[in-house]
Structure formats: structure tokens, C-alpha cells
Amino acid sequence: MGRAKALMMEMQEFEWAYAPVSFKCPDEDCGKLSESEAYLPVVFENKIPDVDFPVELECSCCKAKYDARIEGDLDTLTITLLDYPDTAVEFEDVITSDIEASWYDRDPYDLDPYEYDVPQSPAIIFNAAYEDILAFLASVVSNDGNHPLNRMIFIQCFSAFEAYLCDKLVQLVTSSDDRIKMYILGHKVLKTTKLPLEDLYRLKEKTANDILQMVVTKSIKETIFHDFPKVASLYKIFGLELFDTKDLMSDLVKAAKLRHHCVHRNGRDLEDNELSDFTHAYILEVITKMKNTADNLEAAIFDKDNPDYDF
């Protein structure tokens, strides 16, 4: 058996998912922070898979390609650039938590990964979080751009906004059979998704429409909702522009990168420089842009659902 076939069979022992990966490009002519995606093994319930696989990473800035290796030793999961082993490669924790385990690997008392109760009004919940964030901002005395409380409030902006985008998309997609069909056909990964027989067995009492709705909902839950270009493409399936302008999306993408530094590096960048972006003014700017985006999305969906409504 050839090495390539053996490697493919070995990879099939694990579940894999695309996740954000970042590293400082080692090319002397570039040297910029690359932020892209790589196909990585999924970690369930903090159980690091015992893996050792080659992977190719591409710099998102100069498009240079680097041979790398994914290694897991039950304690840690690491990615190493083979020719530049000292280059730090970081990846999103989402692959260790946000993707549900297979049935045989789950606690029987865990919630069904295919069941998800969508709030009746995601907008009301987000608006309440928005008001709370404004109140927190007003109560924090320090305007230090790296104050821990400021960073916590900044991260909370994303928690509230991502939850809204997720719940709203589930609500939108599952509102009719036609929209479920549109979403499946418009989603390049979902339309070729296959279900394990064990999952089909557990869903055998469900109707075909119920199964489609549950699988679609599970797929949405597994989406990284601070990957704003990707999320915008999902809403685009229904002809909805999530962001009014490219500048707005660019601003929120930049904010998402800063969120990454807060969550994974305690407010420092890859060079270990302390960031001072998280002032009251900047946090207010970001949450206001999120609020305006949510308001505009609500209005666009209302217009789509009520084309003959006369104000």
C-alpha cells in the first residue's frame, strides 16, 4: 500500500475541521501576520488525538506555501513549520470545543447535538447585551487601552454579536422548507455532507424534513461566527448583505484579530507587544458597528418577509 493511501486511511480515524491558523510569515520579504485556515483534527472534551500528519500552510499575505506538521501527544496539539521550527503557529480553540463529539464518544446525559432551541427574538437578547455593555463601559473608571476589564468588555462584544448572528441564521434558515433547500444548495460543504449510520439510527423516528432541519442547524452551530467574511457569505445565500460596506467588514475583521490577541495572548501581539487599542472609545465604536449591523439585518429580513408591508 502506498504512503498516500496509508495516510488517508490513518486520517479517517479522526474527525477534521477547518479552523483559523495564524503565524508570522518567515519570508524576509513579507514578515507579516498570516491569518488563514487549515484542516485540523478535532479535539473532543479536551482529549488530544494522538496524531502526526503533514499539512501545507499558506501565507495569507504573500501566498508563500510552507510544509508543516500537526502533532498531538495526548497533552498538546501543535503545528510546526518544518523549515522554520521556531516560528510560532497558533490556531483557534474552536476546534477543541465547538464541534460536537460523535454519539459513541458522548456522555449519555449531554444535550443532543441535533437539538437546538432558538430564542424567539435573537435581536432582543442582543439589544439587552448591548445595553449591558454600555453600562459596563460607563462603570469602568480606567480608560487604559490594555486594562483587563476593558479587554473583558471587548471580548463580551463578540460573544453577544456572534450569538446573535448564529441564532438569527438558524431562525432564518429553518423558517421554511424552501430556505432550508436554498441554504443546503448554497453551502459548498453542507450540500455534500454525509451522516454516520449511528446518527441516522438515532434519528430514525424523525421525518426527512426534521432531519434536514436538525443537520442544517448543527452545521450552523459549528460555524466560527467571528469569521465575518464567511458568515457574510452564508447570509448572502438569501440575498442579504450582512455588511453595508467593505470598510465596515474590514473594521470588524480587524477587531476580530484584536479579540484573538485578547483571548489567546492576554492582550499582546505575536511579538509580545502590549496592545493599547481597548479604550472606551474603541470598544464603543466596535459595539456600535455591531449594533448597526444587527439592526440593518433585522430590517432587511423584515423587508424580505413582508414585501407588501406599507409603513
Protein backbone atom coordinates (compact mmCIF):
# COMPACT_ATOMS: atom_id res chain seq x y z
CA MET A 1 0.00 0.00 0.00
CA GLY A 2 1.34 3.43 -0.97
CA ARG A 3 2.19 6.05 1.65
CA ALA A 4 -0.53 8.42 0.39
CA LYS A 5 -3.25 5.77 0.73
CA ALA A 6 -1.98 4.73 4.14
CA LEU A 7 -2.04 8.35 5.26
CA MET A 8 -5.61 8.80 4.05
CA MET A 9 -6.74 5.69 5.93
CA GLU A 10 -4.99 6.93 9.06
CA MET A 11 -6.64 10.36 8.77
CA GLN A 12 -10.05 8.71 8.59
CA GLU A 13 -9.59 7.55 12.18
CA PHE A 14 -10.12 11.14 13.30
CA GLU A 15 -12.63 13.91 12.66
CA TRP A 16 -11.28 17.02 10.92
CA ALA A 17 -12.47 20.59 10.52
CA TYR A 18 -11.26 23.86 9.05
CA ALA A 19 -10.05 26.29 11.70
CA PRO A 20 -8.26 29.68 11.72
CA VAL A 21 -4.45 29.47 11.83
CA SER A 22 -2.07 32.39 12.32
CA PHE A 23 1.70 32.78 12.12
CA LYS A 24 4.27 35.44 11.26
CA CYS A 25 5.41 34.73 7.72
CA PRO A 26 9.11 33.76 7.88
CA ASP A 27 9.78 35.08 4.38
CA GLU A 28 12.13 38.05 4.78
CA ASP A 29 10.34 39.96 2.02
CA CYS A 30 7.00 39.54 3.79
CA GLY A 31 7.24 39.09 7.57
CA LYS A 32 3.55 39.90 8.00
CA LEU A 33 0.98 38.16 10.20
CA SER A 34 -0.72 35.46 8.16
CA GLU A 35 -4.27 34.56 9.13
CA SER A 36 -5.88 31.78 7.13
CA GLU A 37 -7.45 28.35 7.63
CA ALA A 38 -6.10 24.83 7.83
CA TYR A 39 -7.70 21.40 8.01
CA LEU A 40 -7.05 20.24 11.58
CA PRO A 41 -8.07 17.26 13.73
CA VAL A 42 -10.98 17.92 16.07
CA VAL A 43 -10.37 17.64 19.80
CA PHE A 44 -13.34 16.38 21.80
CA GLU A 45 -13.80 17.00 25.52
CA ASN A 46 -10.15 18.06 25.90
CA LYS A 47 -8.97 14.69 24.59
CA ILE A 48 -5.99 15.47 22.35
CA PRO A 49 -5.80 12.95 19.49
CA ASP A 50 -2.53 11.07 19.03
CA VAL A 51 -1.79 12.39 15.55
CA ASP A 52 1.24 13.09 13.37
CA PHE A 53 0.32 14.38 9.90
CA PRO A 54 1.82 16.67 7.25
CA VAL A 55 -0.05 19.83 6.31
CA GLU A 56 0.63 22.76 3.99
CA LEU A 57 0.11 26.30 5.27
CA GLU A 58 -0.14 29.32 3.00
CA CYS A 59 0.68 32.89 3.99
CA SER A 60 -2.45 34.97 3.54
CA CYS A 61 -0.33 37.99 2.61
CA CYS A 62 2.37 36.84 0.15
CA LYS A 63 0.83 33.43 -0.71
CA ALA A 64 4.08 31.60 0.10
CA LYS A 65 3.48 27.94 0.97
CA TYR A 66 5.14 26.14 3.87
CA ASP A 67 5.33 22.45 4.70
CA ALA A 68 4.24 21.88 8.27
CA ARG A 69 3.37 19.07 10.64
CA ILE A 70 0.47 18.59 13.05
CA GLU A 71 1.42 16.62 16.14
CA GLY A 72 -0.69 15.55 19.10
CA ASP A 73 0.70 13.67 22.10
CA LEU A 74 -2.42 13.42 24.32
CA ASP A 75 -1.36 16.58 26.20
CA THR A 76 -0.86 19.18 23.49
CA LEU A 77 -1.65 19.74 19.83
CA THR A 78 0.99 21.68 17.90
CA ILE A 79 1.71 22.80 14.35
CA THR A 80 5.34 23.26 13.31
CA LEU A 81 6.73 24.77 10.10
CA LEU A 82 9.32 22.19 9.04
CA ASP A 83 11.84 24.70 7.66
CA TYR A 84 11.14 27.30 10.36
CA PRO A 85 10.58 25.34 13.59
CA ASP A 86 10.99 28.46 15.76
CA THR A 87 8.03 30.21 14.10
CA ALA A 88 5.01 30.17 16.42
CA VAL A 89 1.88 28.79 14.77
CA GLU A 90 -1.38 29.39 16.59
CA PHE A 91 -4.85 28.09 15.85
CA GLU A 92 -8.34 28.67 17.20
CA ASP A 93 -9.50 26.76 20.27
CA VAL A 94 -12.84 26.37 18.49
CA ILE A 95 -11.73 23.02 17.12
CA THR A 96 -11.42 21.78 20.69
CA SER A 97 -14.84 22.84 21.90
CA ASP A 98 -17.41 23.98 19.37
CA ILE A 99 -17.74 20.79 17.31
CA GLU A 100 -19.87 18.10 18.89
CA ALA A 101 -18.45 14.66 19.60
CA SER A 102 -19.72 11.55 17.89
CA TRP A 103 -22.51 9.64 19.62
CA TYR A 104 -20.27 6.86 20.89
CA ASP A 105 -17.90 9.43 22.41
CA ARG A 106 -20.58 11.45 24.24
CA ASP A 107 -21.87 11.39 27.78
CA PRO A 108 -25.43 9.99 27.64
CA TYR A 109 -26.64 12.98 29.66
CA ASP A 110 -25.22 15.53 27.22
CA LEU A 111 -27.63 17.55 25.11
CA ASP A 112 -28.47 16.11 21.72
CA PRO A 113 -26.15 17.85 19.21
CA TYR A 114 -29.01 17.89 16.72
CA GLU A 115 -31.40 19.65 19.11
CA TYR A 116 -31.22 23.41 19.48
CA ASP A 117 -33.85 25.78 20.84
CA VAL A 118 -33.56 29.07 19.00
CA PRO A 119 -34.60 32.15 21.00
CA GLN A 120 -37.82 33.69 19.75
CA SER A 121 -36.08 37.02 19.26
CA PRO A 122 -32.27 36.96 18.97
CA ALA A 123 -32.38 40.73 18.43
CA ILE A 124 -33.97 41.39 21.83
CA ILE A 125 -31.28 39.32 23.54
CA PHE A 126 -28.51 41.10 21.64
CA ASN A 127 -30.00 44.53 22.38
CA ALA A 128 -30.09 43.68 26.10
CA ALA A 129 -26.43 42.63 25.93
CA TYR A 130 -25.66 45.88 24.08
CA GLU A 131 -27.22 47.92 26.90
CA ASP A 132 -25.29 45.89 29.48
CA ILE A 133 -22.02 46.55 27.65
CA LEU A 134 -22.72 50.28 27.59
CA ALA A 135 -23.44 50.15 31.33
CA PHE A 136 -20.22 48.24 31.99
CA LEU A 137 -18.25 50.77 29.95
CA ALA A 138 -19.72 53.61 31.98
CA SER A 139 -18.81 51.88 35.24
CA VAL A 140 -15.17 51.14 34.39
CA VAL A 141 -13.11 54.10 35.56
CA SER A 142 -9.87 53.32 33.73
CA ASN A 143 -9.53 54.27 30.07
CA ASP A 144 -6.25 52.37 29.85
CA GLY A 145 -6.24 50.72 26.42
CA ASN A 146 -4.96 47.46 27.89
CA HIS A 147 -6.90 47.41 31.16
CA PRO A 148 -8.13 43.85 31.91
CA LEU A 149 -11.72 44.98 32.41
CA ASN A 150 -11.67 46.80 29.09
CA ARG A 151 -10.43 43.66 27.37
CA MET A 152 -13.15 41.60 29.06
CA ILE A 153 -15.84 44.01 27.86
CA PHE A 154 -14.33 43.96 24.36
CA ILE A 155 -14.47 40.15 24.27
CA GLN A 156 -18.08 40.25 25.51
CA CYS A 157 -18.99 42.38 22.48
CA PHE A 158 -18.04 39.44 20.29
CA SER A 159 -19.80 36.89 22.49
CA ALA A 160 -23.08 38.78 22.18
CA PHE A 161 -22.73 39.55 18.47
CA GLU A 162 -21.67 36.03 17.48
CA ALA A 163 -24.56 34.50 19.44
CA TYR A 164 -26.95 36.86 17.66
CA LEU A 165 -25.56 36.04 14.21
CA CYS A 166 -25.79 32.31 14.93
CA ASP A 167 -29.32 32.35 16.35
CA LYS A 168 -30.58 34.68 13.62
CA LEU A 169 -29.16 32.47 10.88
CA VAL A 170 -30.73 29.35 12.41
CA GLN A 171 -34.03 31.18 12.69
CA LEU A 172 -33.81 32.41 9.10
CA VAL A 173 -32.79 29.10 7.54
CA THR A 174 -35.31 26.95 9.42
CA SER A 175 -38.24 29.31 8.83
CA SER A 176 -39.33 27.34 5.75
CA ASP A 177 -38.52 24.24 3.72
CA ASP A 178 -37.61 26.43 0.76
CA ARG A 179 -34.98 28.27 2.79
CA ILE A 180 -33.54 25.02 4.09
CA LYS A 181 -33.19 23.89 0.48
CA MET A 182 -31.60 27.22 -0.53
CA TYR A 183 -29.11 27.02 2.32
CA ILE A 184 -28.09 23.42 1.61
CA LEU A 185 -27.64 24.02 -2.11
CA GLY A 186 -25.80 27.30 -1.48
CA HIS A 187 -23.43 25.84 1.13
CA LYS A 188 -20.50 24.17 -0.62
CA VAL A 189 -19.71 21.85 2.31
CA LEU A 190 -23.18 21.14 3.64
CA LYS A 191 -24.62 20.03 0.30
CA THR A 192 -22.21 17.06 0.22
CA THR A 193 -22.44 16.22 3.95
CA LYS A 194 -22.92 12.56 4.87
CA LEU A 195 -24.40 11.28 8.13
CA PRO A 196 -22.94 8.32 10.06
CA LEU A 197 -25.31 5.36 10.26
CA GLU A 198 -25.37 5.62 14.05
CA ASP A 199 -26.75 9.15 13.78
CA LEU A 200 -29.33 8.05 11.22
CA TYR A 201 -30.40 5.26 13.54
CA ARG A 202 -30.94 7.67 16.41
CA LEU A 203 -32.93 9.96 14.11
CA LYS A 204 -34.99 7.15 12.58
CA GLU A 205 -38.23 8.35 14.21
CA LYS A 206 -37.83 11.79 12.61
CA THR A 207 -39.25 12.82 9.27
CA ALA A 208 -36.90 13.64 6.38
CA ASN A 209 -37.67 17.36 6.81
CA ASP A 210 -36.92 17.17 10.53
CA ILE A 211 -33.57 15.50 9.85
CA LEU A 212 -32.64 18.13 7.26
CA GLN A 213 -33.52 20.93 9.69
CA MET A 214 -31.54 19.34 12.52
CA VAL A 215 -28.46 18.69 10.37
CA VAL A 216 -28.53 22.23 9.00
CA THR A 217 -28.92 23.66 12.50
CA LYS A 218 -25.99 21.59 13.78
CA SER A 219 -23.86 22.83 10.88
CA ILE A 220 -24.69 26.45 11.69
CA LYS A 221 -23.83 25.93 15.37
CA GLU A 222 -20.38 24.69 14.32
CA THR A 223 -19.64 27.85 12.31
CA ILE A 224 -16.98 30.27 13.57
CA PHE A 225 -19.09 33.41 13.77
CA HIS A 226 -16.20 35.87 14.17
CA ASP A 227 -15.04 34.78 10.71
CA PHE A 228 -17.08 37.65 9.31
CA PRO A 229 -16.36 37.13 5.57
CA LYS A 230 -17.52 33.52 5.88
CA VAL A 231 -20.63 34.49 7.88
CA ALA A 232 -21.44 37.21 5.33
CA SER A 233 -21.29 34.57 2.57
CA LEU A 234 -23.84 32.45 4.45
CA TYR A 235 -26.33 35.31 4.70
CA LYS A 236 -25.56 36.13 1.06
CA ILE A 237 -27.20 32.80 0.12
CA PHE A 238 -30.51 34.56 0.81
CA GLY A 239 -29.54 37.77 -0.96
CA LEU A 240 -28.76 39.54 2.31
CA GLU A 241 -25.76 41.86 2.63
CA LEU A 242 -24.56 41.46 6.22
CA PHE A 243 -22.29 44.49 5.99
CA ASP A 244 -23.28 47.71 4.24
CA THR A 245 -19.74 48.46 3.07
CA LYS A 246 -16.42 46.69 2.65
CA ASP A 247 -14.92 49.15 5.11
CA LEU A 248 -17.40 48.07 7.79
CA MET A 249 -16.50 44.41 7.35
CA SER A 250 -12.80 45.30 7.27
CA ASP A 251 -13.14 47.20 10.55
CA LEU A 252 -14.84 44.26 12.26
CA VAL A 253 -12.33 41.78 10.83
CA LYS A 254 -9.57 43.93 12.35
CA ALA A 255 -11.44 43.94 15.65
CA ALA A 256 -11.76 40.15 15.48
CA LYS A 257 -7.98 39.87 15.15
CA LEU A 258 -7.60 42.02 18.27
CA ARG A 259 -10.12 39.73 20.01
CA HIS A 260 -7.81 36.84 19.13
CA HIS A 261 -4.92 38.59 20.87
CA CYS A 262 -7.09 39.16 23.96
CA VAL A 263 -8.33 35.59 24.18
CA HIS A 264 -5.09 33.80 23.35
CA ARG A 265 -2.30 36.19 24.33
CA ASN A 266 -3.78 38.23 27.17
CA GLY A 267 -3.76 41.45 25.15
CA ARG A 268 -0.36 41.05 23.50
CA ASP A 269 0.53 40.50 19.85
CA LEU A 270 2.78 37.83 18.30
CA GLU A 271 5.87 39.89 19.12
CA ASP A 272 4.72 40.08 22.76
CA ASN A 273 3.97 43.80 22.49
CA GLU A 274 1.24 45.00 24.83
CA LEU A 275 -1.72 46.30 22.83
CA SER A 276 -3.38 49.55 23.85
CA ASP A 277 -6.35 49.53 21.45
CA PHE A 278 -9.04 48.74 24.01
CA THR A 279 -10.07 52.22 25.07
CA HIS A 280 -13.65 53.15 25.89
CA ALA A 281 -13.93 54.96 22.57
CA TYR A 282 -12.76 51.96 20.53
CA ILE A 283 -14.98 49.48 22.35
CA LEU A 284 -17.93 51.82 21.87
CA GLU A 285 -17.07 52.14 18.17
CA VAL A 286 -16.97 48.34 17.74
CA ILE A 287 -20.17 47.54 19.63
CA THR A 288 -21.98 50.37 17.82
CA LYS A 289 -20.95 48.92 14.45
CA MET A 290 -22.17 45.53 15.61
CA LYS A 291 -25.46 47.03 16.78
CA ASN A 292 -25.98 48.86 13.48
CA THR A 293 -25.20 45.66 11.58
CA ALA A 294 -27.78 43.73 13.61
CA ASP A 295 -30.40 46.47 13.17
CA ASN A 296 -29.84 46.59 9.42
CA LEU A 297 -30.03 42.81 9.17
CA GLU A 298 -33.32 42.77 11.07
CA ALA A 299 -34.73 45.40 8.73
CA ALA A 300 -33.51 43.57 5.61
CA ILE A 301 -35.06 40.27 6.73
CA PHE A 302 -38.32 42.03 7.61
CA ASP A 303 -38.44 43.63 4.16
CA LYS A 304 -37.78 40.25 2.53
CA ASP A 305 -40.52 38.56 4.57
CA ASN A 306 -43.01 41.42 4.17
CA PRO A 307 -42.54 42.84 0.66
CA ASP A 308 -46.01 44.41 0.61
CA TYR A 309 -45.83 45.96 4.07
CA ASP A 310 -46.85 49.64 3.94
CA PHE A 311 -45.19 51.85 6.52
